[in-house]
């Protein structure tokens, strides 16, 4: 029954010409409209959410999912630029920034000794005012001592290049599905355990020195990977 209702909902969304981030009626209204129970309706809505057709914002309701961002990990052009190039509007919000001691897990990845000072930034990034990802950046303070005093609500790497002449010579990127848990789910206004996408990136300079490590928690319906291969 819920799969049949799922198709009826898809047809209704198309018929009403609902598009990016348009809000669906309340669940009680939809249940009445389609002559179904709230249980069956929620199963159908959950199916469409899993397919990336709609998304739910906690305490706000159901919305039509915007087009996915195309992401090419082989290109280093920055979040703001690749969002703008695809016709969307980016925004970054710095939630916290602090100087911490390097934890053991980061020591293993970066080569820094445990408890070596390192900058830690937590940022929430938006596309067309929808929060799509939570980003944790760990930056080696060597060579960028004034970074904490600068505005980090824009491109972090542009700051490192323009203010400190730091730029990565190599990057290693890993991407895989992972549930959104803890404060990442809360900061993205979704339920704990919701489907997500995990991305991590480690950067070194031309001398092999660790520059930055970031790990990102994306909504599952926000991104599609595109890699262009020549030859």
N, C-alpha and C. Protein backbone atom coordinates (compact mmCIF):
# COMPACT_ATOMS: atom_id res chain seq x y z
N UNK A 1 0.81 -1.21 0.00
CA UNK A 1 0.00 0.00 0.00
C UNK A 1 0.85 1.27 0.00
N UNK A 2 1.92 1.26 0.81
CA UNK A 2 2.72 2.48 0.90
C UNK A 2 3.49 2.73 -0.39
N UNK A 3 3.84 1.68 -1.12
CA UNK A 3 4.53 1.88 -2.40
C UNK A 3 3.57 2.45 -3.45
N UNK A 4 2.32 2.02 -3.42
CA UNK A 4 1.34 2.62 -4.30
C UNK A 4 1.12 4.10 -3.96
N UNK A 5 1.07 4.39 -2.66
CA UNK A 5 0.91 5.77 -2.21
C UNK A 5 2.14 6.59 -2.58
N UNK A 6 3.29 5.98 -2.50
CA UNK A 6 4.53 6.67 -2.89
C UNK A 6 4.43 7.20 -4.32
N UNK A 7 3.93 6.36 -5.23
CA UNK A 7 3.80 6.78 -6.63
C UNK A 7 2.75 7.88 -6.78
N UNK A 8 1.67 7.78 -6.03
CA UNK A 8 0.65 8.82 -6.09
C UNK A 8 1.19 10.15 -5.60
N UNK A 9 2.05 10.10 -4.58
CA UNK A 9 2.66 11.33 -4.07
C UNK A 9 3.61 11.95 -5.09
N UNK A 10 4.40 11.09 -5.76
CA UNK A 10 5.30 11.58 -6.81
C UNK A 10 4.50 12.25 -7.92
N UNK A 11 3.41 11.60 -8.35
CA UNK A 11 2.58 12.17 -9.42
C UNK A 11 1.97 13.50 -8.97
N UNK A 12 1.57 13.57 -7.70
CA UNK A 12 0.95 14.81 -7.19
C UNK A 12 1.97 15.95 -7.12
N UNK A 13 3.20 15.63 -6.71
CA UNK A 13 4.26 16.64 -6.66
C UNK A 13 4.53 17.20 -8.05
N UNK A 14 4.56 16.30 -9.05
CA UNK A 14 4.77 16.75 -10.43
C UNK A 14 3.58 17.57 -10.93
N UNK A 15 2.38 17.10 -10.60
CA UNK A 15 1.16 17.79 -11.05
C UNK A 15 1.10 19.21 -10.49
N UNK A 16 1.50 19.36 -9.23
CA UNK A 16 1.49 20.67 -8.57
C UNK A 16 2.72 21.51 -8.93
N UNK A 17 3.62 20.90 -9.70
CA UNK A 17 4.83 21.60 -10.13
C UNK A 17 5.64 22.11 -8.94
N UNK A 18 5.69 21.31 -7.88
CA UNK A 18 6.49 21.69 -6.72
C UNK A 18 7.96 21.52 -7.05
N UNK A 19 8.76 22.47 -6.59
CA UNK A 19 10.19 22.44 -6.92
C UNK A 19 11.02 22.66 -5.66
N UNK A 20 12.29 22.94 -5.85
CA UNK A 20 13.29 23.00 -4.79
C UNK A 20 12.80 23.71 -3.52
N UNK A 21 12.73 22.94 -2.43
CA UNK A 21 12.42 23.41 -1.09
C UNK A 21 10.99 23.92 -0.93
N UNK A 22 10.12 23.59 -1.89
CA UNK A 22 8.70 23.86 -1.67
C UNK A 22 8.19 22.93 -0.57
N UNK A 23 7.35 23.45 0.29
CA UNK A 23 6.86 22.68 1.43
C UNK A 23 5.63 21.87 1.07
N UNK A 24 5.58 20.61 1.54
CA UNK A 24 4.40 19.78 1.38
C UNK A 24 3.39 20.12 2.47
N UNK A 25 2.11 19.86 2.24
CA UNK A 25 1.12 20.06 3.31
C UNK A 25 1.44 19.19 4.53
N UNK A 26 0.82 19.53 5.64
CA UNK A 26 1.01 18.76 6.86
C UNK A 26 0.56 17.30 6.65
N UNK A 27 1.12 16.40 7.45
CA UNK A 27 0.82 14.98 7.28
C UNK A 27 -0.68 14.69 7.43
N UNK A 28 -1.36 15.34 8.36
CA UNK A 28 -2.79 15.09 8.52
C UNK A 28 -3.57 15.51 7.27
N UNK A 29 -3.10 16.60 6.63
CA UNK A 29 -3.76 17.06 5.41
C UNK A 29 -3.53 16.06 4.28
N UNK A 30 -2.30 15.57 4.15
CA UNK A 30 -1.99 14.60 3.11
C UNK A 30 -2.74 13.29 3.34
N UNK A 31 -2.82 12.85 4.59
CA UNK A 31 -3.53 11.60 4.90
C UNK A 31 -5.00 11.70 4.49
N UNK A 32 -5.59 12.85 4.77
CA UNK A 32 -6.99 13.07 4.38
C UNK A 32 -7.13 13.13 2.87
N UNK A 33 -6.23 13.85 2.23
CA UNK A 33 -6.29 14.02 0.77
C UNK A 33 -6.20 12.68 0.04
N UNK A 34 -5.32 11.80 0.51
CA UNK A 34 -5.09 10.53 -0.19
C UNK A 34 -5.86 9.38 0.46
N UNK A 35 -6.75 9.70 1.41
CA UNK A 35 -7.63 8.69 2.02
C UNK A 35 -6.82 7.51 2.56
N UNK A 36 -5.84 7.82 3.39
CA UNK A 36 -4.98 6.77 3.92
C UNK A 36 -4.72 7.04 5.39
N UNK A 37 -4.07 6.09 6.04
CA UNK A 37 -3.73 6.26 7.45
C UNK A 37 -2.40 7.01 7.58
N UNK A 38 -2.18 7.57 8.75
CA UNK A 38 -0.93 8.28 8.98
C UNK A 38 0.25 7.31 8.92
N UNK A 39 0.02 6.07 9.34
CA UNK A 39 1.10 5.07 9.33
C UNK A 39 1.54 4.80 7.89
N UNK A 40 0.58 4.54 7.00
CA UNK A 40 0.92 4.27 5.60
C UNK A 40 1.55 5.50 4.95
N UNK A 41 1.00 6.68 5.27
CA UNK A 41 1.55 7.91 4.72
C UNK A 41 3.01 8.08 5.12
N UNK A 42 3.32 7.87 6.37
CA UNK A 42 4.69 8.05 6.85
C UNK A 42 5.63 7.04 6.20
N UNK A 43 5.14 5.82 5.94
CA UNK A 43 5.97 4.84 5.23
C UNK A 43 6.28 5.34 3.81
N UNK A 44 5.28 5.90 3.14
CA UNK A 44 5.49 6.41 1.79
C UNK A 44 6.43 7.61 1.79
N UNK A 45 6.25 8.51 2.76
CA UNK A 45 7.13 9.68 2.86
C UNK A 45 8.56 9.26 3.17
N UNK A 46 8.72 8.27 4.04
CA UNK A 46 10.06 7.78 4.37
C UNK A 46 10.73 7.16 3.15
N UNK A 47 9.94 6.47 2.32
CA UNK A 47 10.48 5.89 1.09
C UNK A 47 10.98 6.99 0.16
N UNK A 48 10.20 8.06 0.00
CA UNK A 48 10.60 9.17 -0.86
C UNK A 48 11.81 9.90 -0.29
N UNK A 49 11.89 9.97 1.02
CA UNK A 49 13.06 10.58 1.65
C UNK A 49 14.32 9.76 1.36
N UNK A 50 14.19 8.42 1.46
CA UNK A 50 15.33 7.55 1.18
C UNK A 50 15.79 7.68 -0.26
N UNK A 51 14.85 7.95 -1.16
CA UNK A 51 15.18 8.12 -2.58
C UNK A 51 15.71 9.51 -2.89
N UNK A 52 15.65 10.43 -1.92
CA UNK A 52 16.13 11.78 -2.13
C UNK A 52 15.14 12.69 -2.83
N UNK A 53 13.87 12.29 -2.88
CA UNK A 53 12.84 13.11 -3.54
C UNK A 53 12.38 14.24 -2.63
N UNK A 54 12.22 13.93 -1.35
CA UNK A 54 11.81 14.92 -0.36
C UNK A 54 12.74 14.82 0.84
N UNK A 55 12.70 15.83 1.69
CA UNK A 55 13.47 15.76 2.94
C UNK A 55 12.64 16.35 4.06
N UNK A 56 12.97 15.94 5.28
CA UNK A 56 12.25 16.43 6.44
C UNK A 56 13.17 17.30 7.28
N UNK A 57 12.66 18.44 7.67
CA UNK A 57 13.36 19.31 8.61
C UNK A 57 12.63 19.21 9.94
N UNK A 58 13.37 18.82 10.98
CA UNK A 58 12.73 18.62 12.28
C UNK A 58 11.94 19.85 12.72
N UNK A 59 10.71 19.58 13.15
CA UNK A 59 9.80 20.59 13.67
C UNK A 59 9.31 21.58 12.60
N UNK A 60 9.63 21.31 11.32
CA UNK A 60 9.20 22.22 10.27
C UNK A 60 8.35 21.53 9.21
N UNK A 61 8.58 20.24 8.96
CA UNK A 61 7.78 19.54 7.99
C UNK A 61 8.58 18.96 6.83
N UNK A 62 7.86 18.58 5.76
CA UNK A 62 8.46 17.93 4.59
C UNK A 62 8.60 18.93 3.45
N UNK A 63 9.71 18.79 2.71
CA UNK A 63 10.03 19.71 1.61
C UNK A 63 10.53 18.93 0.40
N UNK A 64 10.39 19.52 -0.77
CA UNK A 64 10.95 18.93 -1.99
C UNK A 64 12.46 19.14 -1.97
N UNK A 65 13.18 18.08 -2.25
CA UNK A 65 14.65 18.14 -2.23
C UNK A 65 15.18 18.91 -3.43
N UNK A 66 16.12 19.85 -3.21
CA UNK A 66 16.75 20.55 -4.34
C UNK A 66 17.61 19.60 -5.17
N UNK A 67 18.00 20.04 -6.35
CA UNK A 67 18.93 19.27 -7.16
C UNK A 67 20.23 19.06 -6.38
N UNK A 68 20.83 17.89 -6.58
CA UNK A 68 22.08 17.59 -5.89
C UNK A 68 23.23 18.43 -6.46
N UNK A 69 24.17 18.73 -5.59
CA UNK A 69 25.41 19.36 -6.03
C UNK A 69 26.28 18.33 -6.74
N UNK A 70 26.89 18.73 -7.83
CA UNK A 70 27.90 17.88 -8.47
C UNK A 70 29.24 18.17 -7.81
N UNK A 71 29.92 17.11 -7.37
CA UNK A 71 31.19 17.29 -6.68
C UNK A 71 32.26 16.44 -7.35
N UNK A 72 33.32 17.09 -7.81
CA UNK A 72 34.46 16.41 -8.43
C UNK A 72 35.63 16.50 -7.46
N UNK A 73 35.93 15.41 -6.72
CA UNK A 73 37.00 15.46 -5.73
C UNK A 73 38.39 15.64 -6.32
N UNK A 74 38.53 15.47 -7.63
CA UNK A 74 39.83 15.65 -8.26
C UNK A 74 40.17 17.13 -8.48
N UNK A 75 39.16 18.01 -8.31
CA UNK A 75 39.38 19.43 -8.53
C UNK A 75 39.36 20.19 -7.21
N UNK A 76 40.27 21.13 -7.07
CA UNK A 76 40.39 21.90 -5.85
C UNK A 76 39.97 23.34 -6.13
N UNK A 77 38.65 23.59 -6.12
CA UNK A 77 38.18 24.94 -6.41
C UNK A 77 37.40 25.54 -5.24
N UNK A 78 37.23 24.81 -4.16
CA UNK A 78 36.59 25.35 -2.98
C UNK A 78 35.07 25.26 -3.02
N UNK A 79 34.48 25.17 -1.83
CA UNK A 79 33.04 25.00 -1.68
C UNK A 79 32.26 26.14 -2.32
N UNK A 80 32.61 27.37 -1.97
CA UNK A 80 31.84 28.51 -2.45
C UNK A 80 31.81 28.59 -3.97
N UNK A 81 32.95 28.37 -4.59
CA UNK A 81 33.04 28.52 -6.04
C UNK A 81 32.25 27.44 -6.75
N UNK A 82 32.40 26.17 -6.33
CA UNK A 82 31.69 25.14 -7.07
C UNK A 82 30.18 25.19 -6.82
N UNK A 83 29.76 25.72 -5.67
CA UNK A 83 28.34 25.93 -5.45
C UNK A 83 27.82 27.04 -6.36
N UNK A 84 28.55 28.14 -6.44
CA UNK A 84 28.14 29.27 -7.28
C UNK A 84 28.14 28.90 -8.76
N UNK A 85 29.11 28.11 -9.17
CA UNK A 85 29.19 27.71 -10.58
C UNK A 85 27.98 26.89 -11.01
N UNK A 86 27.31 26.27 -10.06
CA UNK A 86 26.14 25.45 -10.38
C UNK A 86 24.82 26.21 -10.17
N UNK A 87 24.93 27.52 -9.95
CA UNK A 87 23.74 28.34 -9.87
C UNK A 87 23.09 28.42 -8.50
N UNK A 88 23.79 27.97 -7.45
CA UNK A 88 23.26 28.02 -6.10
C UNK A 88 23.97 29.12 -5.30
N UNK A 89 23.43 29.39 -4.12
CA UNK A 89 24.02 30.40 -3.24
C UNK A 89 24.59 29.74 -2.00
N UNK A 90 25.92 29.84 -1.77
CA UNK A 90 26.53 29.22 -0.60
C UNK A 90 26.56 30.17 0.60
N UNK A 91 26.63 29.58 1.77
CA UNK A 91 26.87 30.35 3.00
C UNK A 91 27.55 29.45 4.01
N UNK A 92 28.47 30.01 4.77
CA UNK A 92 29.19 29.25 5.79
C UNK A 92 29.04 29.94 7.13
N UNK A 93 28.79 29.16 8.16
CA UNK A 93 28.63 29.67 9.52
C UNK A 93 29.64 28.96 10.43
N UNK A 94 30.53 29.73 11.04
CA UNK A 94 31.48 29.16 11.99
C UNK A 94 30.78 28.98 13.33
N UNK A 95 30.68 27.74 13.78
CA UNK A 95 30.01 27.43 15.04
C UNK A 95 30.96 27.55 16.21
N UNK A 96 32.20 27.10 16.02
CA UNK A 96 33.21 27.22 17.08
C UNK A 96 34.59 27.17 16.47
N UNK A 97 35.55 27.77 17.16
CA UNK A 97 36.96 27.67 16.80
C UNK A 97 37.78 27.77 18.07
N UNK A 98 38.76 26.86 18.17
CA UNK A 98 39.56 26.81 19.39
C UNK A 98 40.90 26.16 19.11
N UNK A 99 41.84 26.42 19.98
CA UNK A 99 43.15 25.77 19.95
C UNK A 99 43.10 24.58 20.88
N UNK A 100 43.35 23.38 20.36
CA UNK A 100 43.27 22.17 21.16
C UNK A 100 44.58 21.39 21.04
N UNK A 101 44.73 20.40 21.88
CA UNK A 101 45.85 19.47 21.75
C UNK A 101 45.49 18.38 20.76
N UNK A 102 46.43 18.01 19.92
CA UNK A 102 46.17 16.98 18.90
C UNK A 102 45.73 15.67 19.56
N UNK A 103 44.51 15.19 19.24
CA UNK A 103 44.08 13.89 19.79
C UNK A 103 44.84 12.75 19.12
N UNK A 104 44.79 11.58 19.72
CA UNK A 104 45.58 10.45 19.24
C UNK A 104 45.19 10.04 17.83
N UNK A 105 43.88 10.08 17.52
CA UNK A 105 43.44 9.66 16.18
C UNK A 105 43.97 10.60 15.11
N UNK A 106 44.04 11.89 15.42
CA UNK A 106 44.57 12.85 14.45
C UNK A 106 46.09 12.74 14.36
N UNK A 107 46.73 12.39 15.46
CA UNK A 107 48.18 12.17 15.44
C UNK A 107 48.55 11.06 14.47
N UNK A 108 47.75 9.99 14.46
CA UNK A 108 48.01 8.88 13.55
C UNK A 108 47.86 9.29 12.09
N UNK A 109 46.92 10.18 11.81
CA UNK A 109 46.67 10.61 10.44
C UNK A 109 47.66 11.68 9.97
N UNK A 110 48.03 12.57 10.86
CA UNK A 110 48.80 13.76 10.47
C UNK A 110 50.29 13.65 10.73
N UNK A 111 50.69 12.81 11.68
CA UNK A 111 52.09 12.75 12.06
C UNK A 111 52.45 13.73 13.16
N UNK A 112 51.51 14.59 13.56
CA UNK A 112 51.76 15.48 14.70
C UNK A 112 51.79 14.67 15.98
N UNK A 113 52.60 15.10 16.92
CA UNK A 113 52.65 14.42 18.21
C UNK A 113 51.36 14.68 18.97
N UNK A 114 50.96 13.72 19.78
CA UNK A 114 49.77 13.88 20.61
C UNK A 114 49.93 15.12 21.50
N UNK A 115 48.88 15.91 21.60
CA UNK A 115 48.81 17.14 22.39
C UNK A 115 49.54 18.31 21.76
N UNK A 116 50.10 18.14 20.53
CA UNK A 116 50.63 19.30 19.81
C UNK A 116 49.48 20.26 19.52
N UNK A 117 49.66 21.57 19.75
CA UNK A 117 48.57 22.51 19.48
C UNK A 117 48.11 22.46 18.02
N UNK A 118 46.80 22.48 17.83
CA UNK A 118 46.23 22.47 16.49
C UNK A 118 44.92 23.26 16.53
N UNK A 119 44.64 23.99 15.46
CA UNK A 119 43.38 24.72 15.38
C UNK A 119 42.25 23.77 15.02
N UNK A 120 41.10 23.93 15.68
CA UNK A 120 39.92 23.13 15.37
C UNK A 120 38.75 24.08 15.10
N UNK A 121 38.22 24.01 13.88
CA UNK A 121 37.07 24.80 13.48
C UNK A 121 35.88 23.87 13.22
N UNK A 122 34.71 24.25 13.69
CA UNK A 122 33.48 23.54 13.36
C UNK A 122 32.61 24.53 12.59
N UNK A 123 32.22 24.14 11.37
CA UNK A 123 31.45 25.05 10.52
C UNK A 123 30.25 24.32 9.93
N UNK A 124 29.17 25.08 9.76
CA UNK A 124 27.97 24.58 9.11
C UNK A 124 27.86 25.29 7.77
N UNK A 125 27.65 24.52 6.70
CA UNK A 125 27.63 25.10 5.37
C UNK A 125 26.27 24.91 4.72
N UNK A 126 25.82 25.96 4.05
CA UNK A 126 24.48 26.02 3.48
C UNK A 126 24.55 26.17 1.97
N UNK A 127 23.52 25.65 1.31
CA UNK A 127 23.28 25.92 -0.11
C UNK A 127 21.83 26.38 -0.23
N UNK A 128 21.63 27.58 -0.76
CA UNK A 128 20.29 28.17 -0.84
C UNK A 128 19.58 28.11 0.51
N UNK A 129 20.35 28.40 1.56
CA UNK A 129 19.87 28.48 2.94
C UNK A 129 19.39 27.14 3.51
N UNK A 130 19.73 26.05 2.86
CA UNK A 130 19.50 24.73 3.45
C UNK A 130 20.84 24.22 3.97
N UNK A 131 20.90 23.88 5.25
CA UNK A 131 22.14 23.36 5.84
C UNK A 131 22.40 21.95 5.29
N UNK A 132 23.54 21.79 4.59
CA UNK A 132 23.84 20.52 3.92
C UNK A 132 24.93 19.72 4.61
N UNK A 133 25.84 20.39 5.31
CA UNK A 133 26.93 19.63 5.91
C UNK A 133 27.50 20.33 7.13
N UNK A 134 28.08 19.52 8.00
CA UNK A 134 28.86 19.98 9.14
C UNK A 134 30.31 19.61 8.86
N UNK A 135 31.19 20.58 9.03
CA UNK A 135 32.59 20.39 8.66
C UNK A 135 33.48 20.66 9.87
N UNK A 136 34.40 19.72 10.14
CA UNK A 136 35.42 19.90 11.17
C UNK A 136 36.77 20.07 10.47
N UNK A 137 37.42 21.20 10.72
CA UNK A 137 38.74 21.47 10.14
C UNK A 137 39.78 21.50 11.24
N UNK A 138 40.86 20.74 11.04
CA UNK A 138 42.00 20.75 11.96
C UNK A 138 43.19 21.29 11.19
N UNK A 139 43.69 22.45 11.60
CA UNK A 139 44.73 23.15 10.85
C UNK A 139 46.01 23.24 11.67
N UNK A 140 47.14 22.91 11.05
CA UNK A 140 48.44 23.05 11.68
C UNK A 140 48.73 24.54 11.87
N UNK A 141 48.92 25.02 13.12
CA UNK A 141 49.15 26.45 13.35
C UNK A 141 50.47 26.97 12.78
N UNK A 142 51.40 26.07 12.49
CA UNK A 142 52.70 26.51 12.00
C UNK A 142 52.54 27.25 10.67
N UNK A 143 52.92 28.51 10.69
CA UNK A 143 52.84 29.31 9.47
C UNK A 143 51.57 30.12 9.33
N UNK A 144 50.60 29.95 10.25
CA UNK A 144 49.35 30.71 10.16
C UNK A 144 48.87 31.11 11.55
N UNK A 145 49.76 31.71 12.31
CA UNK A 145 49.50 32.02 13.72
C UNK A 145 48.33 32.94 13.97
N UNK A 146 47.94 33.78 13.01
CA UNK A 146 46.83 34.70 13.23
C UNK A 146 45.50 34.22 12.71
N UNK A 147 45.41 32.96 12.31
CA UNK A 147 44.20 32.47 11.65
C UNK A 147 42.96 32.58 12.53
N UNK A 148 43.11 32.35 13.82
CA UNK A 148 41.96 32.35 14.73
C UNK A 148 41.30 33.72 14.81
N UNK A 149 42.04 34.77 14.52
CA UNK A 149 41.50 36.13 14.63
C UNK A 149 40.78 36.58 13.35
N UNK A 150 40.87 35.79 12.30
CA UNK A 150 40.26 36.17 11.03
C UNK A 150 38.84 35.60 10.90
N UNK A 151 38.07 36.17 9.98
CA UNK A 151 36.72 35.70 9.71
C UNK A 151 36.78 34.39 8.93
N UNK A 152 36.27 33.31 9.51
CA UNK A 152 36.33 31.99 8.86
C UNK A 152 34.96 31.57 8.33
N UNK A 153 34.08 32.55 8.10
CA UNK A 153 32.78 32.25 7.51
C UNK A 153 32.83 32.22 5.99
N UNK A 154 34.02 32.18 5.45
CA UNK A 154 34.20 32.10 4.00
C UNK A 154 35.14 30.93 3.72
N UNK A 155 35.90 31.00 2.66
CA UNK A 155 36.81 29.91 2.30
C UNK A 155 38.02 29.90 3.22
N UNK A 156 38.20 28.80 3.94
CA UNK A 156 39.35 28.66 4.83
C UNK A 156 40.64 28.59 4.04
N UNK A 157 40.60 27.86 2.91
CA UNK A 157 41.81 27.72 2.12
C UNK A 157 42.18 29.00 1.40
N UNK A 158 41.21 29.82 1.07
CA UNK A 158 41.53 31.11 0.48
C UNK A 158 42.24 32.00 1.50
N UNK A 159 41.80 31.93 2.76
CA UNK A 159 42.49 32.66 3.82
C UNK A 159 43.93 32.18 3.97
N UNK A 160 44.11 30.87 3.97
CA UNK A 160 45.46 30.32 4.12
C UNK A 160 46.36 30.74 2.96
N UNK A 161 45.80 30.78 1.76
CA UNK A 161 46.59 31.20 0.59
C UNK A 161 46.89 32.70 0.61
N UNK A 162 45.82 33.50 0.84
CA UNK A 162 45.97 34.94 0.71
C UNK A 162 46.72 35.57 1.88
N UNK A 163 46.47 35.09 3.09
CA UNK A 163 47.06 35.72 4.27
C UNK A 163 48.38 35.10 4.70
N UNK A 164 48.59 33.81 4.38
CA UNK A 164 49.76 33.12 4.91
C UNK A 164 50.58 32.41 3.84
N UNK A 165 50.13 32.52 2.59
CA UNK A 165 50.84 31.89 1.47
C UNK A 165 51.00 30.38 1.67
N UNK A 166 49.96 29.77 2.19
CA UNK A 166 49.95 28.32 2.39
C UNK A 166 48.98 27.68 1.40
N UNK A 167 49.42 26.64 0.72
CA UNK A 167 48.53 25.93 -0.20
C UNK A 167 48.95 24.47 -0.27
N UNK A 168 47.98 23.59 -0.45
CA UNK A 168 48.29 22.16 -0.45
C UNK A 168 48.97 21.71 -1.74
N UNK A 169 49.94 20.84 -1.59
CA UNK A 169 50.57 20.22 -2.77
C UNK A 169 49.97 18.84 -3.03
N UNK A 170 49.39 18.24 -2.00
CA UNK A 170 48.77 16.92 -2.18
C UNK A 170 47.60 16.78 -1.22
N UNK A 171 46.59 16.03 -1.67
CA UNK A 171 45.42 15.76 -0.85
C UNK A 171 44.99 14.31 -1.03
N UNK A 172 44.54 13.72 0.05
CA UNK A 172 43.96 12.38 0.00
C UNK A 172 42.53 12.49 0.48
N UNK A 173 41.59 11.96 -0.32
CA UNK A 173 40.17 12.11 -0.02
C UNK A 173 39.53 10.73 0.09
N UNK A 174 38.68 10.56 1.10
CA UNK A 174 37.89 9.35 1.26
C UNK A 174 36.42 9.75 1.42
N UNK A 175 35.53 9.01 0.78
CA UNK A 175 34.10 9.30 0.83
C UNK A 175 33.34 7.98 0.97
N UNK A 176 32.42 7.93 1.92
CA UNK A 176 31.59 6.74 2.05
C UNK A 176 30.32 7.06 2.84
N UNK A 177 29.26 6.22 2.68
CA UNK A 177 28.02 6.45 3.41
C UNK A 177 28.22 6.25 4.91
N UNK A 178 27.53 7.08 5.69
CA UNK A 178 27.60 6.94 7.15
C UNK A 178 26.41 7.64 7.78
N UNK A 179 25.82 7.03 8.78
CA UNK A 179 24.68 7.63 9.45
C UNK A 179 25.10 8.90 10.18
N UNK A 180 24.17 9.85 10.24
CA UNK A 180 24.41 11.09 10.97
C UNK A 180 24.02 10.88 12.43
N UNK A 181 24.97 11.09 13.32
CA UNK A 181 24.72 10.86 14.74
C UNK A 181 25.24 12.04 15.55
N UNK A 182 25.00 11.97 16.84
CA UNK A 182 25.49 12.97 17.79
C UNK A 182 25.06 14.38 17.37
N UNK A 183 25.97 15.36 17.55
CA UNK A 183 25.57 16.73 17.28
C UNK A 183 25.51 17.05 15.79
N UNK A 184 26.09 16.20 14.93
CA UNK A 184 26.00 16.46 13.49
C UNK A 184 24.55 16.40 13.03
N UNK A 185 23.81 15.40 13.49
CA UNK A 185 22.40 15.30 13.14
C UNK A 185 21.63 16.49 13.69
N UNK A 186 21.90 16.84 14.93
CA UNK A 186 21.19 17.96 15.55
C UNK A 186 21.46 19.27 14.81
N UNK A 187 22.72 19.51 14.45
CA UNK A 187 23.07 20.75 13.76
C UNK A 187 22.49 20.82 12.36
N UNK A 188 22.16 19.67 11.77
CA UNK A 188 21.56 19.64 10.44
C UNK A 188 20.03 19.48 10.51
N UNK A 189 19.49 19.49 11.72
CA UNK A 189 18.04 19.43 11.93
C UNK A 189 17.42 18.15 11.38
N UNK A 190 18.12 17.03 11.55
CA UNK A 190 17.58 15.73 11.16
C UNK A 190 17.65 14.79 12.36
N UNK A 191 16.95 13.68 12.28
CA UNK A 191 16.95 12.71 13.36
C UNK A 191 18.28 11.98 13.44
N UNK A 192 18.71 11.68 14.64
CA UNK A 192 19.91 10.86 14.83
C UNK A 192 19.74 9.52 14.13
N UNK A 193 20.74 9.13 13.38
CA UNK A 193 20.68 7.89 12.62
C UNK A 193 20.24 8.08 11.19
N UNK A 194 19.91 9.32 10.81
CA UNK A 194 19.52 9.58 9.42
C UNK A 194 20.68 9.27 8.48
N UNK A 195 20.34 8.88 7.25
CA UNK A 195 21.37 8.57 6.27
C UNK A 195 22.21 9.80 5.97
N UNK A 196 23.51 9.59 5.81
CA UNK A 196 24.41 10.68 5.50
C UNK A 196 25.56 10.22 4.65
N UNK A 197 26.43 11.15 4.34
CA UNK A 197 27.63 10.86 3.55
C UNK A 197 28.82 11.47 4.29
N UNK A 198 29.85 10.66 4.49
CA UNK A 198 31.04 11.11 5.21
C UNK A 198 32.17 11.36 4.21
N UNK A 199 32.82 12.50 4.35
CA UNK A 199 33.96 12.84 3.50
C UNK A 199 35.11 13.30 4.38
N UNK A 200 36.31 12.77 4.15
CA UNK A 200 37.48 13.26 4.87
C UNK A 200 38.59 13.56 3.88
N UNK A 201 39.39 14.58 4.25
CA UNK A 201 40.42 15.07 3.34
C UNK A 201 41.64 15.46 4.18
N UNK A 202 42.81 14.98 3.81
CA UNK A 202 44.03 15.36 4.50
C UNK A 202 44.97 16.01 3.49
N UNK A 203 45.58 17.13 3.88
CA UNK A 203 46.38 17.93 2.96
C UNK A 203 47.79 18.14 3.51
N UNK A 204 48.76 18.10 2.60
CA UNK A 204 50.17 18.36 2.94
C UNK A 204 50.74 19.38 1.98
N UNK A 205 51.81 20.06 2.42
CA UNK A 205 52.47 21.01 1.52
C UNK A 205 53.50 20.29 0.67
N UNK A 206 54.23 21.05 -0.15
CA UNK A 206 55.19 20.43 -1.08
C UNK A 206 56.36 19.77 -0.38
N UNK A 207 56.57 20.10 0.90
CA UNK A 207 57.63 19.44 1.68
C UNK A 207 57.11 18.26 2.48
N UNK A 208 55.84 17.92 2.29
CA UNK A 208 55.25 16.79 2.99
C UNK A 208 54.76 17.12 4.38
N UNK A 209 54.78 18.40 4.76
CA UNK A 209 54.34 18.80 6.10
C UNK A 209 52.82 18.82 6.15
N UNK A 210 52.26 18.32 7.24
CA UNK A 210 50.81 18.31 7.43
C UNK A 210 50.29 19.74 7.49
N UNK A 211 49.26 20.02 6.68
CA UNK A 211 48.63 21.34 6.69
C UNK A 211 47.26 21.31 7.35
N UNK A 212 46.40 20.40 6.89
CA UNK A 212 45.02 20.44 7.37
C UNK A 212 44.34 19.10 7.17
N UNK A 213 43.45 18.77 8.11
CA UNK A 213 42.59 17.61 7.99
C UNK A 213 41.17 18.08 8.22
N UNK A 214 40.27 17.68 7.34
CA UNK A 214 38.87 18.00 7.60
C UNK A 214 38.01 16.77 7.38
N UNK A 215 36.98 16.65 8.20
CA UNK A 215 35.99 15.61 7.95
C UNK A 215 34.62 16.25 7.98
N UNK A 216 33.79 15.82 7.02
CA UNK A 216 32.52 16.46 6.74
C UNK A 216 31.39 15.44 6.81
N UNK A 217 30.26 15.90 7.33
CA UNK A 217 29.07 15.07 7.43
C UNK A 217 27.98 15.71 6.60
N UNK A 218 27.65 15.10 5.47
CA UNK A 218 26.69 15.62 4.50
C UNK A 218 25.34 14.93 4.63
N UNK A 219 24.28 15.66 4.32
CA UNK A 219 22.98 15.02 4.11
C UNK A 219 23.09 14.07 2.92
N UNK A 220 22.40 12.94 2.98
CA UNK A 220 22.57 11.91 1.97
C UNK A 220 22.08 12.34 0.59
N UNK A 221 21.15 13.32 0.55
CA UNK A 221 20.56 13.71 -0.73
C UNK A 221 21.18 14.98 -1.31
N UNK A 222 22.33 15.40 -0.76
CA UNK A 222 22.89 16.71 -1.12
C UNK A 222 23.91 16.64 -2.24
N UNK A 223 24.48 15.48 -2.48
CA UNK A 223 25.70 15.43 -3.29
C UNK A 223 25.66 14.29 -4.29
N UNK A 224 26.24 14.53 -5.46
CA UNK A 224 26.53 13.45 -6.40
C UNK A 224 27.99 13.62 -6.87
N UNK A 225 28.68 12.50 -6.94
CA UNK A 225 30.09 12.54 -7.32
C UNK A 225 30.23 12.48 -8.84
N UNK A 226 31.02 13.38 -9.38
CA UNK A 226 31.26 13.44 -10.80
C UNK A 226 32.75 13.54 -11.03
N UNK A 227 33.32 12.61 -11.76
CA UNK A 227 34.76 12.64 -12.06
C UNK A 227 34.93 12.57 -13.56
N UNK A 228 35.61 13.55 -14.12
CA UNK A 228 35.90 13.59 -15.55
C UNK A 228 37.26 12.96 -15.79
N UNK A 229 37.30 11.97 -16.67
CA UNK A 229 38.53 11.25 -16.98
C UNK A 229 38.87 11.46 -18.44
N UNK A 230 40.01 12.03 -18.72
CA UNK A 230 40.44 12.25 -20.10
C UNK A 230 41.26 11.07 -20.60
N UNK A 231 41.16 10.81 -21.91
CA UNK A 231 41.97 9.76 -22.50
C UNK A 231 41.28 8.41 -22.54
